[in-house]
Amino acid sequence: MSARQVILVLALGGSFALASCGTSHTPKRALTERERDSTLGKSVIPGAAGVTRALQVSDSAAAQAQRMDRSVSGQ
């Protein structure tokens, strides 16, 4: 083995050693269905505006139901 090959092997070995010492790989938090839908609604794909509108309608219905629950329970 020539000196050039030895240097190349050492350089590659050192590169692999440094690469394995990188930052810890913590698992990313999974997105909720709401977060995925919101991201989809902001995209430029066809129908994305419909997803955004559906989220708005859902929020409105949930807020109305909460108001009704409060009025029934006397809060």
PDB file of N, CA and C in Angstrom:
ATOM      1  N   MET A   1       0.845  -1.160   0.000  1.00  0.00           N
ATOM      2  CA  MET A   1       0.000   0.000   0.000  1.00  0.00           C
ATOM      3  C   MET A   1       0.898   1.233   0.000  1.00  0.00           C
ATOM      4  N   SER A   2       0.598   2.155  -0.867  1.00  0.00           N
ATOM      5  CA  SER A   2       1.432   3.353  -0.978  1.00  0.00           C
ATOM      6  C   SER A   2       1.061   4.362   0.106  1.00  0.00           C
ATOM      7  N   ALA A   3       1.922   5.333   0.282  1.00  0.00           N
ATOM      8  CA  ALA A   3       1.700   6.363   1.295  1.00  0.00           C
ATOM      9  C   ALA A   3       0.420   7.147   0.984  1.00  0.00           C
ATOM     10  N   ARG A   4       0.164   7.354  -0.281  1.00  0.00           N
ATOM     11  CA  ARG A   4      -1.038   8.094  -0.693  1.00  0.00           C
ATOM     12  C   ARG A   4      -2.294   7.320  -0.281  1.00  0.00           C
ATOM     13  N   GLN A   5      -2.301   6.024  -0.447  1.00  0.00           N
ATOM     14  CA  GLN A   5      -3.454   5.202  -0.076  1.00  0.00           C
ATOM     15  C   GLN A   5      -3.648   5.185   1.437  1.00  0.00           C
ATOM     16  N   VAL A   6      -2.552   5.139   2.178  1.00  0.00           N
ATOM     17  CA  VAL A   6      -2.627   5.148   3.636  1.00  0.00           C
ATOM     18  C   VAL A   6      -3.245   6.462   4.112  1.00  0.00           C
ATOM     19  N   ILE A   7      -2.818   7.561   3.525  1.00  0.00           N
ATOM     20  CA  ILE A   7      -3.363   8.874   3.901  1.00  0.00           C
ATOM     21  C   ILE A   7      -4.849   8.946   3.576  1.00  0.00           C
ATOM     22  N   LEU A   8      -5.233   8.421   2.426  1.00  0.00           N
ATOM     23  CA  LEU A   8      -6.635   8.416   2.031  1.00  0.00           C
ATOM     24  C   LEU A   8      -7.479   7.589   3.001  1.00  0.00           C
ATOM     25  N   VAL A   9      -6.999   6.416   3.386  1.00  0.00           N
ATOM     26  CA  VAL A   9      -7.723   5.562   4.325  1.00  0.00           C
ATOM     27  C   VAL A   9      -7.852   6.251   5.680  1.00  0.00           C
ATOM     28  N   LEU A  10      -6.789   6.883   6.145  1.00  0.00           N
ATOM     29  CA  LEU A  10      -6.840   7.589   7.422  1.00  0.00           C
ATOM     30  C   LEU A  10      -7.800   8.781   7.361  1.00  0.00           C
ATOM     31  N   ALA A  11      -7.773   9.499   6.251  1.00  0.00           N
ATOM     32  CA  ALA A  11      -8.670  10.642   6.094  1.00  0.00           C
ATOM     33  C   ALA A  11     -10.130  10.185   6.095  1.00  0.00           C
ATOM     34  N   LEU A  12     -10.426   9.118   5.387  1.00  0.00           N
ATOM     35  CA  LEU A  12     -11.803   8.600   5.362  1.00  0.00           C
ATOM     36  C   LEU A  12     -12.217   8.100   6.740  1.00  0.00           C
ATOM     37  N   GLY A  13     -11.328   7.393   7.402  1.00  0.00           N
ATOM     38  CA  GLY A  13     -11.627   6.903   8.751  1.00  0.00           C
ATOM     39  C   GLY A  13     -11.887   8.047   9.722  1.00  0.00           C
ATOM     40  N   GLY A  14     -11.080   9.083   9.622  1.00  0.00           N
ATOM     41  CA  GLY A  14     -11.273  10.253  10.477  1.00  0.00           C
ATOM     42  C   GLY A  14     -12.587  10.953  10.182  1.00  0.00           C
ATOM     43  N   SER A  15     -12.943  11.027   8.908  1.00  0.00           N
ATOM     44  CA  SER A  15     -14.211  11.659   8.528  1.00  0.00           C
ATOM     45  C   SER A  15     -15.390  10.897   9.099  1.00  0.00           C
ATOM     46  N   PHE A  16     -15.345   9.570   9.005  1.00  0.00           N
ATOM     47  CA  PHE A  16     -16.429   8.767   9.555  1.00  0.00           C
ATOM     48  C   PHE A  16     -16.497   8.901  11.072  1.00  0.00           C
ATOM     49  N   ALA A  17     -15.346   8.964  11.706  1.00  0.00           N
ATOM     50  CA  ALA A  17     -15.319   9.100  13.159  1.00  0.00           C
ATOM     51  C   ALA A  17     -15.923  10.437  13.594  1.00  0.00           C
ATOM     52  N   LEU A  18     -15.588  11.505  12.891  1.00  0.00           N
ATOM     53  CA  LEU A  18     -16.142  12.820  13.223  1.00  0.00           C
ATOM     54  C   LEU A  18     -17.633  12.879  12.940  1.00  0.00           C
ATOM     55  N   ALA A  19     -18.064  12.257  11.866  1.00  0.00           N
ATOM     56  CA  ALA A  19     -19.486  12.275  11.518  1.00  0.00           C
ATOM     57  C   ALA A  19     -20.318  11.540  12.560  1.00  0.00           C
ATOM     58  N   SER A  20     -19.780  10.513  13.156  1.00  0.00           N
ATOM     59  CA  SER A  20     -20.531   9.752  14.158  1.00  0.00           C
ATOM     60  C   SER A  20     -20.605  10.485  15.487  1.00  0.00           C
ATOM     61  N   CYS A  21     -19.809  11.517  15.672  1.00  0.00           N
ATOM     62  CA  CYS A  21     -19.811  12.277  16.922  1.00  0.00           C
ATOM     63  C   CYS A  21     -20.721  13.491  16.850  1.00  0.00           C
ATOM     64  N   GLY A  22     -21.622  13.531  15.885  1.00  0.00           N
ATOM     65  CA  GLY A  22     -22.509  14.676  15.701  1.00  0.00           C
ATOM     66  C   GLY A  22     -23.493  14.837  16.840  1.00  0.00           C
ATOM     67  N   THR A  23     -24.391  15.769  16.667  1.00  0.00           N
ATOM     68  CA  THR A  23     -25.385  16.049  17.692  1.00  0.00           C
ATOM     69  C   THR A  23     -26.298  14.848  17.876  1.00  0.00           C
ATOM     70  N   SER A  24     -26.906  14.797  19.034  1.00  0.00           N
ATOM     71  CA  SER A  24     -27.811  13.672  19.312  1.00  0.00           C
ATOM     72  C   SER A  24     -29.040  13.776  18.421  1.00  0.00           C
ATOM     73  N   HIS A  25     -29.561  12.653  18.043  1.00  0.00           N
ATOM     74  CA  HIS A  25     -30.714  12.611  17.163  1.00  0.00           C
ATOM     75  C   HIS A  25     -31.962  12.367  18.000  1.00  0.00           C
ATOM     76  N   THR A  26     -32.550  13.454  18.491  1.00  0.00           N
ATOM     77  CA  THR A  26     -33.771  13.308  19.259  1.00  0.00           C
ATOM     78  C   THR A  26     -34.936  13.177  18.288  1.00  0.00           C
ATOM     79  N   PRO A  27     -35.858  12.307  18.590  1.00  0.00           N
ATOM     80  CA  PRO A  27     -36.997  12.138  17.678  1.00  0.00           C
ATOM     81  C   PRO A  27     -37.843  13.408  17.647  1.00  0.00           C
ATOM     82  N   LYS A  28     -38.308  13.748  16.460  1.00  0.00           N
ATOM     83  CA  LYS A  28     -39.138  14.937  16.322  1.00  0.00           C
ATOM     84  C   LYS A  28     -40.541  14.632  16.806  1.00  0.00           C
ATOM     85  N   ARG A  29     -41.175  15.650  17.316  1.00  0.00           N
ATOM     86  CA  ARG A  29     -42.544  15.512  17.796  1.00  0.00           C
ATOM     87  C   ARG A  29     -43.466  15.342  16.599  1.00  0.00           C
ATOM     88  N   ALA A  30     -44.360  14.409  16.679  1.00  0.00           N
ATOM     89  CA  ALA A  30     -45.312  14.174  15.593  1.00  0.00           C
ATOM     90  C   ALA A  30     -46.341  15.301  15.580  1.00  0.00           C
ATOM     91  N   LEU A  31     -46.736  15.709  14.400  1.00  0.00           N
ATOM     92  CA  LEU A  31     -47.740  16.759  14.268  1.00  0.00           C
ATOM     93  C   LEU A  31     -49.125  16.194  14.553  1.00  0.00           C
ATOM     94  N   THR A  32     -49.960  17.020  15.140  1.00  0.00           N
ATOM     95  CA  THR A  32     -51.345  16.618  15.343  1.00  0.00           C
ATOM     96  C   THR A  32     -52.084  16.718  14.017  1.00  0.00           C
ATOM     97  N   GLU A  33     -53.266  16.145  13.960  1.00  0.00           N
ATOM     98  CA  GLU A  33     -54.062  16.224  12.737  1.00  0.00           C
ATOM     99  C   GLU A  33     -54.373  17.675  12.398  1.00  0.00           C
ATOM    100  N   ARG A  34     -54.648  18.474  13.408  1.00  0.00           N
ATOM    101  CA  ARG A  34     -54.951  19.902  13.216  1.00  0.00           C
ATOM    102  C   ARG A  34     -53.743  20.626  12.605  1.00  0.00           C
ATOM    103  N   GLU A  35     -52.551  20.341  13.112  1.00  0.00           N
ATOM    104  CA  GLU A  35     -51.339  20.987  12.593  1.00  0.00           C
ATOM    105  C   GLU A  35     -51.068  20.566  11.149  1.00  0.00           C
ATOM    106  N   ARG A  36     -51.277  19.275  10.853  1.00  0.00           N
ATOM    107  CA  ARG A  36     -51.086  18.807   9.471  1.00  0.00           C
ATOM    108  C   ARG A  36     -52.083  19.476   8.530  1.00  0.00           C
ATOM    109  N   ASP A  37     -53.346  19.565   8.970  1.00  0.00           N
ATOM    110  CA  ASP A  37     -54.365  20.199   8.133  1.00  0.00           C
ATOM    111  C   ASP A  37     -54.074  21.679   7.927  1.00  0.00           C
ATOM    112  N   SER A  38     -53.608  22.337   8.962  1.00  0.00           N
ATOM    113  CA  SER A  38     -53.273  23.755   8.846  1.00  0.00           C
ATOM    114  C   SER A  38     -52.129  23.969   7.860  1.00  0.00           C
ATOM    115  N   THR A  39     -51.126  23.112   7.928  1.00  0.00           N
ATOM    116  CA  THR A  39     -50.000  23.199   6.994  1.00  0.00           C
ATOM    117  C   THR A  39     -50.467  22.938   5.574  1.00  0.00           C
ATOM    118  N   LEU A  40     -51.322  21.959   5.416  1.00  0.00           N
ATOM    119  CA  LEU A  40     -51.871  21.642   4.104  1.00  0.00           C
ATOM    120  C   LEU A  40     -52.676  22.812   3.564  1.00  0.00           C
ATOM    121  N   GLY A  41     -53.455  23.454   4.419  1.00  0.00           N
ATOM    122  CA  GLY A  41     -54.269  24.594   4.005  1.00  0.00           C
ATOM    123  C   GLY A  41     -53.452  25.784   3.540  1.00  0.00           C
ATOM    124  N   LYS A  42     -52.235  25.901   4.020  1.00  0.00           N
ATOM    125  CA  LYS A  42     -51.364  27.022   3.621  1.00  0.00           C
ATOM    126  C   LYS A  42     -50.583  26.740   2.346  1.00  0.00           C
ATOM    127  N   SER A  43     -50.702  25.527   1.838  1.00  0.00           N
ATOM    128  CA  SER A  43     -49.933  25.169   0.637  1.00  0.00           C
ATOM    129  C   SER A  43     -50.628  25.693  -0.618  1.00  0.00           C
ATOM    130  N   VAL A  44     -49.967  25.510  -1.736  1.00  0.00           N
ATOM    131  CA  VAL A  44     -50.494  26.013  -3.008  1.00  0.00           C
ATOM    132  C   VAL A  44     -51.161  24.923  -3.837  1.00  0.00           C
ATOM    133  N   ILE A  45     -51.361  23.755  -3.249  1.00  0.00           N
ATOM    134  CA  ILE A  45     -51.981  22.678  -4.014  1.00  0.00           C
ATOM    135  C   ILE A  45     -53.476  22.960  -4.184  1.00  0.00           C
ATOM    136  N   PRO A  46     -54.071  22.433  -5.237  1.00  0.00           N
ATOM    137  CA  PRO A  46     -55.506  22.662  -5.455  1.00  0.00           C
ATOM    138  C   PRO A  46     -56.332  22.121  -4.283  1.00  0.00           C
ATOM    139  N   GLY A  47     -57.311  22.891  -3.858  1.00  0.00           N
ATOM    140  CA  GLY A  47     -58.175  22.481  -2.758  1.00  0.00           C
ATOM    141  C   GLY A  47     -57.677  22.881  -1.388  1.00  0.00           C
ATOM    142  N   ALA A  48     -56.508  23.476  -1.313  1.00  0.00           N
ATOM    143  CA  ALA A  48     -55.948  23.843  -0.013  1.00  0.00           C
ATOM    144  C   ALA A  48     -56.812  24.889   0.684  1.00  0.00           C
ATOM    145  N   ALA A  49     -57.386  25.793  -0.064  1.00  0.00           N
ATOM    146  CA  ALA A  49     -58.250  26.820   0.537  1.00  0.00           C
ATOM    147  C   ALA A  49     -59.469  26.172   1.185  1.00  0.00           C
ATOM    148  N   GLY A  50     -59.949  25.083   0.628  1.00  0.00           N
ATOM    149  CA  GLY A  50     -61.086  24.375   1.209  1.00  0.00           C
ATOM    150  C   GLY A  50     -60.741  23.782   2.565  1.00  0.00           C
ATOM    151  N   VAL A  51     -59.523  23.340   2.728  1.00  0.00           N
ATOM    152  CA  VAL A  51     -59.083  22.797   4.022  1.00  0.00           C
ATOM    153  C   VAL A  51     -59.062  23.908   5.058  1.00  0.00           C
ATOM    154  N   THR A  52     -58.549  25.076   4.672  1.00  0.00           N
ATOM    155  CA  THR A  52     -58.509  26.215   5.585  1.00  0.00           C
ATOM    156  C   THR A  52     -59.916  26.629   5.987  1.00  0.00           C
ATOM    157  N   ARG A  53     -60.812  26.676   5.013  1.00  0.00           N
ATOM    158  CA  ARG A  53     -62.199  27.058   5.292  1.00  0.00           C
ATOM    159  C   ARG A  53     -62.868  26.032   6.211  1.00  0.00           C
ATOM    160  N   ALA A  54     -62.614  24.763   5.993  1.00  0.00           N
ATOM    161  CA  ALA A  54     -63.188  23.721   6.841  1.00  0.00           C
ATOM    162  C   ALA A  54     -62.692  23.858   8.281  1.00  0.00           C
ATOM    163  N   LEU A  55     -61.437  24.220   8.456  1.00  0.00           N
ATOM    164  CA  LEU A  55     -60.913  24.442   9.805  1.00  0.00           C
ATOM    165  C   LEU A  55     -61.604  25.628  10.469  1.00  0.00           C
ATOM    166  N   GLN A  56     -61.856  26.686   9.703  1.00  0.00           N
ATOM    167  CA  GLN A  56     -62.539  27.857  10.242  1.00  0.00           C
ATOM    168  C   GLN A  56     -63.967  27.516  10.666  1.00  0.00           C
ATOM    169  N   VAL A  57     -64.672  26.758   9.832  1.00  0.00           N
ATOM    170  CA  VAL A  57     -66.043  26.355  10.152  1.00  0.00           C
ATOM    171  C   VAL A  57     -66.051  25.473  11.397  1.00  0.00           C
ATOM    172  N   SER A  58     -65.087  24.570  11.486  1.00  0.00           N
ATOM    173  CA  SER A  58     -64.985  23.695  12.646  1.00  0.00           C
ATOM    174  C   SER A  58     -64.736  24.499  13.922  1.00  0.00           C
ATOM    175  N   ASP A  59     -63.852  25.479  13.842  1.00  0.00           N
ATOM    176  CA  ASP A  59     -63.566  26.334  14.997  1.00  0.00           C
ATOM    177  C   ASP A  59     -64.809  27.116  15.409  1.00  0.00           C
ATOM    178  N   SER A  60     -65.527  27.625  14.423  1.00  0.00           N
ATOM    179  CA  SER A  60     -66.738  28.394  14.698  1.00  0.00           C
ATOM    180  C   SER A  60     -67.791  27.521  15.384  1.00  0.00           C
ATOM    181  N   ALA A  61     -67.983  26.313  14.886  1.00  0.00           N
ATOM    182  CA  ALA A  61     -68.963  25.397  15.488  1.00  0.00           C
ATOM    183  C   ALA A  61     -68.550  25.012  16.902  1.00  0.00           C
ATOM    184  N   ALA A  62     -67.268  24.789  17.127  1.00  0.00           N
ATOM    185  CA  ALA A  62     -66.790  24.440  18.465  1.00  0.00           C
ATOM    186  C   ALA A  62     -66.998  25.599  19.433  1.00  0.00           C
ATOM    187  N   ALA A  63     -66.744  26.828  18.967  1.00  0.00           N
ATOM    188  CA  ALA A  63     -66.932  27.994  19.827  1.00  0.00           C
ATOM    189  C   ALA A  63     -68.413  28.178  20.159  1.00  0.00           C
ATOM    190  N   GLN A  64     -69.276  27.967  19.183  1.00  0.00           N
ATOM    191  CA  GLN A  64     -70.709  28.088  19.420  1.00  0.00           C
ATOM    192  C   GLN A  64     -71.184  27.028  20.410  1.00  0.00           C
ATOM    193  N   ALA A  65     -70.711  25.808  20.271  1.00  0.00           N
ATOM    194  CA  ALA A  65     -71.085  24.743  21.194  1.00  0.00           C
ATOM    195  C   ALA A  65     -70.614  25.064  22.607  1.00  0.00           C
ATOM    196  N   GLN A  66     -69.432  25.646  22.719  1.00  0.00           N
ATOM    197  CA  GLN A  66     -68.913  26.006  24.036  1.00  0.00           C
ATOM    198  C   GLN A  66     -69.763  27.109  24.667  1.00  0.00           C
ATOM    199  N   ARG A  67     -70.172  28.085  23.840  1.00  0.00           N
ATOM    200  CA  ARG A  67     -71.041  29.153  24.359  1.00  0.00           C
ATOM    201  C   ARG A  67     -72.373  28.580  24.835  1.00  0.00           C
ATOM    202  N   MET A  68     -72.916  27.642  24.080  1.00  0.00           N
ATOM    203  CA  MET A  68     -74.192  27.028  24.464  1.00  0.00           C
ATOM    204  C   MET A  68     -74.037  26.228  25.759  1.00  0.00           C
ATOM    205  N   ASP A  69     -72.941  25.506  25.893  1.00  0.00           N
ATOM    206  CA  ASP A  69     -72.691  24.747  27.109  1.00  0.00           C
ATOM    207  C   ASP A  69     -72.602  25.657  28.322  1.00  0.00           C
ATOM    208  N   ARG A  70     -71.967  26.801  28.161  1.00  0.00           N
ATOM    209  CA  ARG A  70     -71.829  27.750  29.254  1.00  0.00           C
ATOM    210  C   ARG A  70     -73.192  28.326  29.666  1.00  0.00           C
ATOM    211  N   SER A  71     -74.016  28.624  28.651  1.00  0.00           N
ATOM    212  CA  SER A  71     -75.314  29.209  28.975  1.00  0.00           C
ATOM    213  C   SER A  71     -76.220  28.198  29.673  1.00  0.00           C
ATOM    214  N   VAL A  72     -76.105  26.935  29.324  1.00  0.00           N
ATOM    215  CA  VAL A  72     -76.918  25.891  29.953  1.00  0.00           C
ATOM    216  C   VAL A  72     -76.449  25.633  31.372  1.00  0.00           C
ATOM    217  N   SER A  73     -75.146  25.651  31.579  1.00  0.00           N
ATOM    218  CA  SER A  73     -74.612  25.345  32.905  1.00  0.00           C
ATOM    219  C   SER A  73     -74.632  26.571  33.827  1.00  0.00           C
ATOM    220  N   GLY A  74     -74.976  27.731  33.279  1.00  0.00           N
ATOM    221  CA  GLY A  74     -75.093  28.938  34.093  1.00  0.00           C
ATOM    222  C   GLY A  74     -73.800  29.645  34.397  1.00  0.00           C
ATOM    223  N   GLN A  75     -72.767  29.417  33.620  1.00  0.00           N
ATOM    224  CA  GLN A  75     -71.479  30.080  33.876  1.00  0.00           C
ATOM    225  C   GLN A  75     -71.406  31.413  33.197  1.00  0.00           C
TER     226      GLN A  75
END
